[in-house]
Amino acid sequence: MRSARSRLRRSVVLVAVAATASAVTGLVPGTADAAPAVVRPPATSASTPASSPSPTATPSVIVSPSDIVVPEGGSSVIFVRLSQRPSYGWVTVDSERLSGDPDLLIGPRLLFPADQWHIWQSLTVFAEEDDDTTDGTGTFLSRISQLPGSGTAVWTVRELDNDIASPSPAPS
């Protein structure tokens, strides 16, 4: 039977680990972006590394697919992973819209532990409702925020509009 002192010591250690992880990553445990969901990529993409490259090389961001379609008012998923193991702890991948329709939005940043660099994570892309009848497009960039010179991934999104064009008045 464990004593109350042993349980208290274990709780203190867990709090210290969470505080250290929060200080390193800048995230607060329990918030939406503190623990990214790990999912499997499309069947056509490799999800395991052939070999572990040198940890001193700079990793790049890989996305699959590089072009997606999102229904207006809906969402789609793009998968993200690193090209190789980073040389230290956690790596943060941030994504941003470079150009295009402001109604196209993306989910939160992704966190990759060094030992899970090759595991695909999902990034959700949203297309907000709008009043136009045209398919919006956008170009996005995903990059490793701690490594400014690292390889980036550029990908595109097309919004599949659900609005119907109003007919032109008939000539009289």
N, C-alpha and C. Protein backbone atom coordinates (compact mmCIF):
# COMPACT_ATOMS: atom_id res chain seq x y z
N MET A 1 0.85 -1.18 0.00
CA MET A 1 0.00 0.00 0.00
C MET A 1 0.89 1.24 0.00
N ARG A 2 0.57 2.17 -0.86
CA ARG A 2 1.36 3.40 -0.96
C ARG A 2 0.91 4.41 0.07
N SER A 3 1.87 5.10 0.60
CA SER A 3 1.55 6.10 1.62
C SER A 3 1.10 7.40 0.95
N ALA A 4 0.47 8.24 1.73
CA ALA A 4 0.02 9.54 1.22
C ALA A 4 1.22 10.38 0.80
N ARG A 5 2.34 10.21 1.49
CA ARG A 5 3.56 10.96 1.15
C ARG A 5 4.08 10.56 -0.23
N SER A 6 4.02 9.26 -0.55
CA SER A 6 4.47 8.77 -1.86
C SER A 6 3.58 9.33 -2.97
N ARG A 7 2.26 9.34 -2.75
CA ARG A 7 1.33 9.89 -3.75
C ARG A 7 1.55 11.38 -3.93
N LEU A 8 1.82 12.10 -2.85
CA LEU A 8 2.08 13.53 -2.92
C LEU A 8 3.37 13.80 -3.70
N ARG A 9 4.42 13.02 -3.46
CA ARG A 9 5.68 13.20 -4.16
C ARG A 9 5.48 12.97 -5.67
N ARG A 10 4.71 11.96 -6.04
CA ARG A 10 4.45 11.69 -7.45
C ARG A 10 3.67 12.84 -8.09
N SER A 11 2.72 13.41 -7.37
CA SER A 11 1.96 14.56 -7.88
C SER A 11 2.85 15.77 -8.08
N VAL A 12 3.78 16.00 -7.17
CA VAL A 12 4.70 17.14 -7.28
C VAL A 12 5.59 16.96 -8.51
N VAL A 13 6.06 15.73 -8.74
CA VAL A 13 6.91 15.46 -9.90
C VAL A 13 6.12 15.70 -11.19
N LEU A 14 4.88 15.24 -11.26
CA LEU A 14 4.06 15.45 -12.45
C LEU A 14 3.82 16.94 -12.72
N VAL A 15 3.57 17.71 -11.68
CA VAL A 15 3.38 19.15 -11.84
C VAL A 15 4.66 19.79 -12.35
N ALA A 16 5.81 19.36 -11.84
CA ALA A 16 7.09 19.92 -12.29
C ALA A 16 7.35 19.59 -13.75
N VAL A 17 7.03 18.37 -14.17
CA VAL A 17 7.20 17.99 -15.58
C VAL A 17 6.28 18.83 -16.47
N ALA A 18 5.03 19.00 -16.07
CA ALA A 18 4.09 19.80 -16.87
C ALA A 18 4.54 21.25 -16.95
N ALA A 19 5.05 21.80 -15.85
CA ALA A 19 5.52 23.18 -15.85
C ALA A 19 6.74 23.34 -16.76
N THR A 20 7.65 22.37 -16.73
CA THR A 20 8.83 22.42 -17.60
C THR A 20 8.42 22.34 -19.06
N ALA A 21 7.51 21.41 -19.40
CA ALA A 21 7.04 21.29 -20.78
C ALA A 21 6.35 22.57 -21.22
N SER A 22 5.58 23.18 -20.33
CA SER A 22 4.89 24.42 -20.66
C SER A 22 5.89 25.54 -20.90
N ALA A 23 6.94 25.60 -20.10
CA ALA A 23 7.96 26.65 -20.27
C ALA A 23 8.72 26.48 -21.58
N VAL A 24 8.99 25.23 -21.95
CA VAL A 24 9.75 24.96 -23.18
C VAL A 24 8.91 25.24 -24.41
N THR A 25 7.64 24.80 -24.40
CA THR A 25 6.80 24.92 -25.59
C THR A 25 6.01 26.20 -25.65
N GLY A 26 5.81 26.87 -24.51
CA GLY A 26 4.99 28.08 -24.49
C GLY A 26 3.51 27.78 -24.45
N LEU A 27 3.14 26.52 -24.24
CA LEU A 27 1.73 26.13 -24.20
C LEU A 27 1.33 25.77 -22.78
N VAL A 28 0.06 25.91 -22.49
CA VAL A 28 -0.46 25.59 -21.17
C VAL A 28 -1.19 24.26 -21.26
N PRO A 29 -0.80 23.26 -20.44
CA PRO A 29 -1.49 21.98 -20.48
C PRO A 29 -2.98 22.17 -20.25
N GLY A 30 -3.79 21.42 -21.00
CA GLY A 30 -5.24 21.51 -20.86
C GLY A 30 -5.87 22.47 -21.85
N THR A 31 -5.07 23.24 -22.58
CA THR A 31 -5.63 24.13 -23.59
C THR A 31 -5.78 23.36 -24.90
N ALA A 32 -6.48 23.93 -25.84
CA ALA A 32 -6.80 23.24 -27.09
C ALA A 32 -5.58 22.81 -27.87
N ASP A 33 -4.50 23.60 -27.85
CA ASP A 33 -3.35 23.23 -28.66
C ASP A 33 -2.24 22.58 -27.84
N ALA A 34 -2.51 22.17 -26.61
CA ALA A 34 -1.48 21.56 -25.80
C ALA A 34 -1.17 20.13 -26.23
N ALA A 35 -2.14 19.40 -26.75
CA ALA A 35 -1.90 18.01 -27.14
C ALA A 35 -2.52 17.76 -28.50
N PRO A 36 -1.72 17.84 -29.56
CA PRO A 36 -2.26 17.63 -30.89
C PRO A 36 -2.72 16.20 -31.09
N ALA A 37 -3.75 16.04 -31.87
CA ALA A 37 -4.25 14.70 -32.19
C ALA A 37 -3.33 14.07 -33.23
N VAL A 38 -2.93 12.85 -32.96
CA VAL A 38 -2.10 12.14 -33.92
C VAL A 38 -3.01 11.22 -34.71
N VAL A 39 -2.97 11.34 -36.02
CA VAL A 39 -3.83 10.54 -36.88
C VAL A 39 -3.00 9.90 -37.97
N ARG A 40 -3.59 8.96 -38.67
CA ARG A 40 -2.91 8.30 -39.77
C ARG A 40 -3.10 9.11 -41.05
N PRO A 41 -2.07 9.15 -41.89
CA PRO A 41 -2.15 9.90 -43.15
C PRO A 41 -2.92 9.09 -44.19
N PRO A 42 -3.17 9.68 -45.35
CA PRO A 42 -3.79 8.93 -46.43
C PRO A 42 -2.96 7.70 -46.76
N ALA A 43 -3.59 6.65 -47.24
CA ALA A 43 -2.92 5.38 -47.51
C ALA A 43 -1.78 5.53 -48.52
N THR A 44 -1.82 6.55 -49.35
CA THR A 44 -0.80 6.72 -50.38
C THR A 44 0.48 7.33 -49.85
N SER A 45 0.51 7.77 -48.59
CA SER A 45 1.70 8.43 -48.05
C SER A 45 2.44 7.50 -47.11
N ALA A 46 3.75 7.56 -47.15
CA ALA A 46 4.56 6.76 -46.24
C ALA A 46 4.48 7.37 -44.85
N SER A 47 4.29 6.53 -43.83
CA SER A 47 4.17 7.07 -42.48
C SER A 47 5.30 6.64 -41.58
N THR A 48 6.20 5.78 -42.05
CA THR A 48 7.32 5.39 -41.22
C THR A 48 8.61 5.68 -41.96
N PRO A 49 9.62 6.06 -41.22
CA PRO A 49 10.88 6.41 -41.86
C PRO A 49 11.63 5.18 -42.33
N ALA A 50 12.37 5.30 -43.43
CA ALA A 50 13.20 4.21 -43.90
C ALA A 50 14.39 4.06 -42.97
N SER A 51 14.99 5.15 -42.59
CA SER A 51 16.06 5.16 -41.61
C SER A 51 16.06 6.53 -40.94
N SER A 52 16.64 6.61 -39.79
CA SER A 52 16.66 7.86 -39.07
C SER A 52 17.86 8.68 -39.52
N PRO A 53 17.64 9.81 -40.22
CA PRO A 53 18.75 10.64 -40.68
C PRO A 53 19.52 11.26 -39.52
N SER A 54 20.62 11.85 -39.81
CA SER A 54 21.46 12.48 -38.82
C SER A 54 20.68 13.55 -38.06
N PRO A 55 20.74 13.55 -36.71
CA PRO A 55 20.00 14.55 -35.94
C PRO A 55 20.56 15.96 -36.06
N THR A 56 21.73 16.13 -36.68
CA THR A 56 22.30 17.47 -36.81
C THR A 56 21.78 18.19 -38.05
N ALA A 57 21.19 17.47 -38.99
CA ALA A 57 20.64 18.11 -40.19
C ALA A 57 19.35 18.83 -39.83
N THR A 58 18.98 19.79 -40.65
CA THR A 58 17.76 20.57 -40.40
C THR A 58 16.57 19.90 -41.07
N PRO A 59 15.51 19.60 -40.31
CA PRO A 59 14.34 18.96 -40.91
C PRO A 59 13.51 19.96 -41.71
N SER A 60 12.70 19.41 -42.59
CA SER A 60 11.75 20.20 -43.38
C SER A 60 10.33 19.76 -43.01
N VAL A 61 9.36 20.54 -43.43
CA VAL A 61 7.95 20.19 -43.22
C VAL A 61 7.44 19.49 -44.49
N ILE A 62 6.70 18.41 -44.30
CA ILE A 62 6.08 17.68 -45.40
C ILE A 62 4.57 17.72 -45.19
N VAL A 63 3.81 18.03 -46.25
CA VAL A 63 2.35 18.01 -46.17
C VAL A 63 1.80 17.04 -47.22
N SER A 64 0.64 16.47 -46.91
CA SER A 64 -0.03 15.57 -47.84
C SER A 64 -1.53 15.68 -47.63
N PRO A 65 -2.29 15.92 -48.67
CA PRO A 65 -1.87 16.29 -50.02
C PRO A 65 -1.47 17.77 -50.05
N SER A 66 -0.89 18.20 -51.17
CA SER A 66 -0.46 19.59 -51.25
C SER A 66 -1.55 20.50 -51.81
N ASP A 67 -2.63 19.91 -52.31
CA ASP A 67 -3.80 20.65 -52.79
C ASP A 67 -5.05 19.99 -52.23
N ILE A 68 -5.91 20.78 -51.57
CA ILE A 68 -7.16 20.21 -51.04
C ILE A 68 -8.35 21.07 -51.43
N VAL A 69 -9.53 20.46 -51.36
CA VAL A 69 -10.79 21.15 -51.61
C VAL A 69 -11.59 21.11 -50.32
N VAL A 70 -12.14 22.27 -49.94
CA VAL A 70 -12.92 22.39 -48.72
C VAL A 70 -14.31 22.91 -49.09
N PRO A 71 -15.37 22.22 -48.68
CA PRO A 71 -16.71 22.74 -48.96
C PRO A 71 -16.99 24.01 -48.15
N GLU A 72 -17.65 24.97 -48.78
CA GLU A 72 -18.00 26.21 -48.06
C GLU A 72 -18.85 25.84 -46.86
N GLY A 73 -18.50 26.38 -45.71
CA GLY A 73 -19.21 26.08 -44.47
C GLY A 73 -18.73 24.79 -43.83
N GLY A 74 -17.70 24.17 -44.39
CA GLY A 74 -17.20 22.89 -43.88
C GLY A 74 -15.71 22.93 -43.62
N SER A 75 -15.14 21.74 -43.52
CA SER A 75 -13.71 21.63 -43.25
C SER A 75 -13.12 20.41 -43.94
N SER A 76 -11.83 20.40 -44.08
CA SER A 76 -11.05 19.28 -44.61
C SER A 76 -9.77 19.19 -43.80
N VAL A 77 -9.04 18.10 -44.01
CA VAL A 77 -7.81 17.87 -43.24
C VAL A 77 -6.64 17.73 -44.19
N ILE A 78 -5.53 18.31 -43.79
CA ILE A 78 -4.26 18.10 -44.47
C ILE A 78 -3.33 17.46 -43.43
N PHE A 79 -2.44 16.58 -43.87
CA PHE A 79 -1.55 15.87 -42.95
C PHE A 79 -0.15 16.47 -43.00
N VAL A 80 0.48 16.55 -41.83
CA VAL A 80 1.78 17.21 -41.71
C VAL A 80 2.72 16.31 -40.90
N ARG A 81 3.99 16.27 -41.33
CA ARG A 81 5.05 15.60 -40.56
C ARG A 81 6.38 16.24 -40.91
N LEU A 82 7.43 15.82 -40.24
CA LEU A 82 8.77 16.34 -40.51
C LEU A 82 9.53 15.38 -41.42
N SER A 83 10.53 15.89 -42.13
CA SER A 83 11.31 15.07 -43.05
C SER A 83 12.33 14.20 -42.31
N GLN A 84 12.74 14.63 -41.12
CA GLN A 84 13.71 13.87 -40.33
C GLN A 84 13.65 14.30 -38.89
N ARG A 85 14.33 13.55 -38.05
CA ARG A 85 14.34 13.82 -36.61
C ARG A 85 15.04 15.16 -36.33
N PRO A 86 14.39 16.03 -35.54
CA PRO A 86 15.06 17.27 -35.14
C PRO A 86 16.14 16.97 -34.10
N SER A 87 17.04 17.90 -33.92
CA SER A 87 18.17 17.67 -33.02
C SER A 87 17.83 17.93 -31.55
N TYR A 88 16.62 18.35 -31.25
CA TYR A 88 16.25 18.62 -29.86
C TYR A 88 14.77 18.40 -29.64
N GLY A 89 14.36 18.26 -28.40
CA GLY A 89 13.01 18.10 -27.87
C GLY A 89 11.83 18.25 -28.80
N TRP A 90 11.05 19.27 -28.58
CA TRP A 90 9.82 19.52 -29.31
C TRP A 90 10.06 20.48 -30.46
N VAL A 91 9.34 20.27 -31.56
CA VAL A 91 9.38 21.18 -32.70
C VAL A 91 7.95 21.65 -32.94
N THR A 92 7.78 22.95 -33.15
CA THR A 92 6.47 23.53 -33.41
C THR A 92 6.35 23.86 -34.88
N VAL A 93 5.27 23.39 -35.52
CA VAL A 93 4.99 23.73 -36.91
C VAL A 93 3.82 24.71 -36.93
N ASP A 94 4.10 25.91 -37.44
CA ASP A 94 3.06 26.93 -37.59
C ASP A 94 2.69 27.03 -39.06
N SER A 95 1.42 27.30 -39.33
CA SER A 95 0.94 27.47 -40.70
C SER A 95 0.24 28.80 -40.81
N GLU A 96 0.33 29.41 -41.98
CA GLU A 96 -0.30 30.71 -42.20
C GLU A 96 -0.74 30.84 -43.66
N ARG A 97 -1.75 31.67 -43.88
CA ARG A 97 -2.20 31.95 -45.24
C ARG A 97 -1.27 33.00 -45.83
N LEU A 98 -0.71 32.70 -46.99
CA LEU A 98 0.15 33.66 -47.69
C LEU A 98 -0.67 34.60 -48.55
N SER A 99 -1.72 34.05 -49.18
CA SER A 99 -2.56 34.87 -50.06
C SER A 99 -3.88 34.15 -50.27
N GLY A 100 -4.83 34.88 -50.80
CA GLY A 100 -6.10 34.27 -51.16
C GLY A 100 -7.27 34.67 -50.29
N ASP A 101 -8.33 33.88 -50.39
CA ASP A 101 -9.61 34.12 -49.75
C ASP A 101 -9.48 34.17 -48.22
N PRO A 102 -9.87 35.29 -47.58
CA PRO A 102 -9.79 35.38 -46.12
C PRO A 102 -10.81 34.49 -45.40
N ASP A 103 -11.76 33.89 -46.15
CA ASP A 103 -12.72 32.97 -45.54
C ASP A 103 -12.12 31.59 -45.31
N LEU A 104 -10.90 31.34 -45.79
CA LEU A 104 -10.20 30.08 -45.57
C LEU A 104 -9.33 30.21 -44.33
N LEU A 105 -9.58 29.37 -43.35
CA LEU A 105 -8.90 29.44 -42.06
C LEU A 105 -8.27 28.08 -41.73
N ILE A 106 -7.25 28.08 -40.87
CA ILE A 106 -6.61 26.84 -40.47
C ILE A 106 -6.61 26.67 -38.97
N GLY A 107 -6.47 25.42 -38.54
CA GLY A 107 -6.47 25.08 -37.12
C GLY A 107 -5.18 25.51 -36.43
N PRO A 108 -5.00 25.08 -35.17
CA PRO A 108 -3.85 25.52 -34.37
C PRO A 108 -2.54 24.90 -34.82
N ARG A 109 -1.46 25.40 -34.23
CA ARG A 109 -0.11 24.90 -34.49
C ARG A 109 -0.02 23.43 -34.10
N LEU A 110 0.97 22.77 -34.67
CA LEU A 110 1.21 21.36 -34.37
C LEU A 110 2.53 21.21 -33.62
N LEU A 111 2.58 20.28 -32.68
CA LEU A 111 3.78 20.02 -31.89
C LEU A 111 4.29 18.61 -32.21
N PHE A 112 5.58 18.52 -32.49
CA PHE A 112 6.21 17.23 -32.80
C PHE A 112 7.31 16.94 -31.79
N PRO A 113 7.15 15.89 -30.95
CA PRO A 113 8.26 15.47 -30.12
C PRO A 113 9.35 14.89 -31.02
N ALA A 114 10.61 15.02 -30.64
CA ALA A 114 11.71 14.57 -31.49
C ALA A 114 11.59 13.11 -31.87
N ASP A 115 11.08 12.26 -30.98
CA ASP A 115 10.98 10.84 -31.29
C ASP A 115 9.74 10.48 -32.11
N GLN A 116 8.88 11.47 -32.41
CA GLN A 116 7.69 11.20 -33.23
C GLN A 116 7.64 12.10 -34.46
N TRP A 117 8.80 12.47 -34.96
CA TRP A 117 8.91 13.37 -36.11
C TRP A 117 8.26 12.78 -37.36
N HIS A 118 8.23 11.46 -37.49
CA HIS A 118 7.74 10.79 -38.69
C HIS A 118 6.25 10.46 -38.63
N ILE A 119 5.58 10.76 -37.53
CA ILE A 119 4.15 10.44 -37.38
C ILE A 119 3.32 11.61 -37.91
N TRP A 120 2.41 11.29 -38.83
CA TRP A 120 1.55 12.33 -39.43
C TRP A 120 0.59 12.89 -38.39
N GLN A 121 0.41 14.20 -38.42
CA GLN A 121 -0.60 14.88 -37.59
C GLN A 121 -1.54 15.61 -38.53
N SER A 122 -2.77 15.80 -38.08
CA SER A 122 -3.76 16.46 -38.94
C SER A 122 -3.87 17.94 -38.61
N LEU A 123 -4.04 18.72 -39.67
CA LEU A 123 -4.28 20.16 -39.56
C LEU A 123 -5.60 20.43 -40.27
N THR A 124 -6.56 20.99 -39.55
CA THR A 124 -7.88 21.22 -40.12
C THR A 124 -7.94 22.57 -40.84
N VAL A 125 -8.55 22.54 -42.02
CA VAL A 125 -8.75 23.74 -42.83
C VAL A 125 -10.25 23.99 -42.91
N PHE A 126 -10.67 25.22 -42.61
CA PHE A 126 -12.08 25.60 -42.60
C PHE A 126 -12.38 26.59 -43.72
N ALA A 127 -13.59 26.50 -44.28
CA ALA A 127 -14.06 27.50 -45.25
C ALA A 127 -15.34 28.08 -44.67
N GLU A 128 -15.28 29.34 -44.27
CA GLU A 128 -16.47 29.99 -43.69
C GLU A 128 -17.50 30.28 -44.78
N GLU A 129 -18.75 30.36 -44.37
CA GLU A 129 -19.83 30.75 -45.29
C GLU A 129 -19.62 32.19 -45.75
N ASP A 130 -19.91 32.44 -47.01
CA ASP A 130 -19.88 33.80 -47.53
C ASP A 130 -21.03 33.97 -48.52
N ASP A 131 -21.23 35.19 -49.02
CA ASP A 131 -22.37 35.47 -49.90
C ASP A 131 -22.02 35.39 -51.38
N ASP A 132 -20.74 35.25 -51.71
CA ASP A 132 -20.40 35.21 -53.14
C ASP A 132 -20.67 33.82 -53.73
N THR A 133 -20.59 33.73 -55.03
CA THR A 133 -20.86 32.46 -55.72
C THR A 133 -19.61 31.90 -56.38
N THR A 134 -18.46 32.40 -56.02
CA THR A 134 -17.21 31.93 -56.62
C THR A 134 -16.45 31.03 -55.65
N ASP A 135 -15.72 30.10 -56.21
CA ASP A 135 -14.87 29.23 -55.40
C ASP A 135 -13.63 30.02 -55.00
N GLY A 136 -13.45 30.22 -53.71
CA GLY A 136 -12.27 30.92 -53.22
C GLY A 136 -11.05 30.01 -53.23
N THR A 137 -9.88 30.60 -53.32
CA THR A 137 -8.63 29.84 -53.25
C THR A 137 -7.69 30.52 -52.28
N GLY A 138 -6.74 29.75 -51.78
CA GLY A 138 -5.74 30.30 -50.87
C GLY A 138 -4.45 29.50 -50.94
N THR A 139 -3.35 30.18 -50.70
CA THR A 139 -2.04 29.56 -50.64
C THR A 139 -1.55 29.67 -49.20
N PHE A 140 -1.09 28.55 -48.65
CA PHE A 140 -0.66 28.49 -47.26
C PHE A 140 0.78 28.03 -47.16
N LEU A 141 1.43 28.38 -46.05
CA LEU A 141 2.81 28.00 -45.78
C LEU A 141 2.86 27.35 -44.41
N SER A 142 3.53 26.21 -44.31
CA SER A 142 3.79 25.55 -43.02
C SER A 142 5.29 25.55 -42.80
N ARG A 143 5.72 25.93 -41.58
CA ARG A 143 7.14 26.04 -41.29
C ARG A 143 7.42 25.68 -39.84
N ILE A 144 8.66 25.33 -39.56
CA ILE A 144 9.09 25.05 -38.19
C ILE A 144 9.46 26.39 -37.56
N SER A 145 8.73 26.78 -36.54
CA SER A 145 8.92 28.13 -35.98
C SER A 145 10.26 28.31 -35.29
N GLN A 146 10.84 27.26 -34.69
CA GLN A 146 12.12 27.41 -33.99
C GLN A 146 13.32 27.42 -34.94
N LEU A 147 13.11 27.00 -36.19
CA LEU A 147 14.22 26.89 -37.14
C LEU A 147 13.94 27.75 -38.36
N PRO A 148 14.27 29.05 -38.31
CA PRO A 148 13.93 29.96 -39.40
C PRO A 148 14.46 29.53 -40.77
N GLY A 149 15.60 28.84 -40.83
CA GLY A 149 16.15 28.44 -42.12
C GLY A 149 15.70 27.07 -42.57
N SER A 150 14.76 26.46 -41.86
CA SER A 150 14.34 25.10 -42.20
C SER A 150 13.46 25.09 -43.44
N GLY A 151 13.32 23.91 -44.01
CA GLY A 151 12.48 23.75 -45.19
C GLY A 151 11.02 23.98 -44.85
N THR A 152 10.32 24.60 -45.76
CA THR A 152 8.91 24.91 -45.57
C THR A 152 8.09 24.11 -46.58
N ALA A 153 6.79 24.08 -46.36
CA ALA A 153 5.88 23.44 -47.31
C ALA A 153 4.82 24.46 -47.70
N VAL A 154 4.61 24.63 -48.99
CA VAL A 154 3.57 25.51 -49.51
C VAL A 154 2.48 24.62 -50.07
N TRP A 155 1.22 24.92 -49.71
CA TRP A 155 0.10 24.11 -50.17
C TRP A 155 -1.08 25.01 -50.49
N THR A 156 -2.02 24.49 -51.27
CA THR A 156 -3.14 25.31 -51.73
C THR A 156 -4.48 24.69 -51.32
N VAL A 157 -5.45 25.59 -51.19
CA VAL A 157 -6.82 25.20 -50.82
C VAL A 157 -7.78 25.84 -51.80
N ARG A 158 -8.79 25.07 -52.22
CA ARG A 158 -9.87 25.62 -53.04
C ARG A 158 -11.17 25.40 -52.29
N GLU A 159 -11.92 26.48 -52.13
CA GLU A 159 -13.23 26.42 -51.48
C GLU A 159 -14.27 26.06 -52.54
N LEU A 160 -15.03 25.03 -52.27
CA LEU A 160 -16.12 24.63 -53.16
C LEU A 160 -17.37 25.37 -52.70
N ASP A 161 -17.71 26.45 -53.41
CA ASP A 161 -18.79 27.33 -53.00
C ASP A 161 -20.14 26.64 -53.09
N ASN A 162 -21.05 26.95 -52.15
CA ASN A 162 -22.38 26.34 -52.13
C ASN A 162 -23.49 27.34 -52.47
N ASP A 163 -23.13 28.58 -52.83
CA ASP A 163 -24.14 29.58 -53.17
C ASP A 163 -24.48 29.49 -54.65
N ILE A 164 -25.73 29.75 -54.96
CA ILE A 164 -26.21 29.69 -56.35
C ILE A 164 -26.27 31.11 -56.90
N ALA A 165 -25.72 31.28 -58.08
CA ALA A 165 -25.75 32.59 -58.72
C ALA A 165 -27.20 32.95 -59.06
N SER A 166 -27.57 34.21 -58.80
CA SER A 166 -28.92 34.63 -59.16
C SER A 166 -28.99 34.88 -60.66
N PRO A 167 -30.07 34.46 -61.28
CA PRO A 167 -30.17 34.61 -62.73
C PRO A 167 -30.25 36.09 -63.14
N SER A 168 -29.68 36.35 -64.30
CA SER A 168 -29.74 37.71 -64.84
C SER A 168 -31.16 37.97 -65.32
N PRO A 169 -31.63 39.22 -65.19
CA PRO A 169 -32.99 39.51 -65.68
C PRO A 169 -33.03 39.34 -67.21
N ALA A 170 -34.16 38.83 -67.67
CA ALA A 170 -34.36 38.63 -69.11
C ALA A 170 -34.47 39.98 -69.81
N PRO A 171 -33.86 40.12 -70.98
CA PRO A 171 -33.99 41.39 -71.71
C PRO A 171 -35.45 41.60 -72.11
N SER A 172 -35.88 42.85 -72.11
CA SER A 172 -37.27 43.12 -72.46
C SER A 172 -37.41 43.69 -73.84
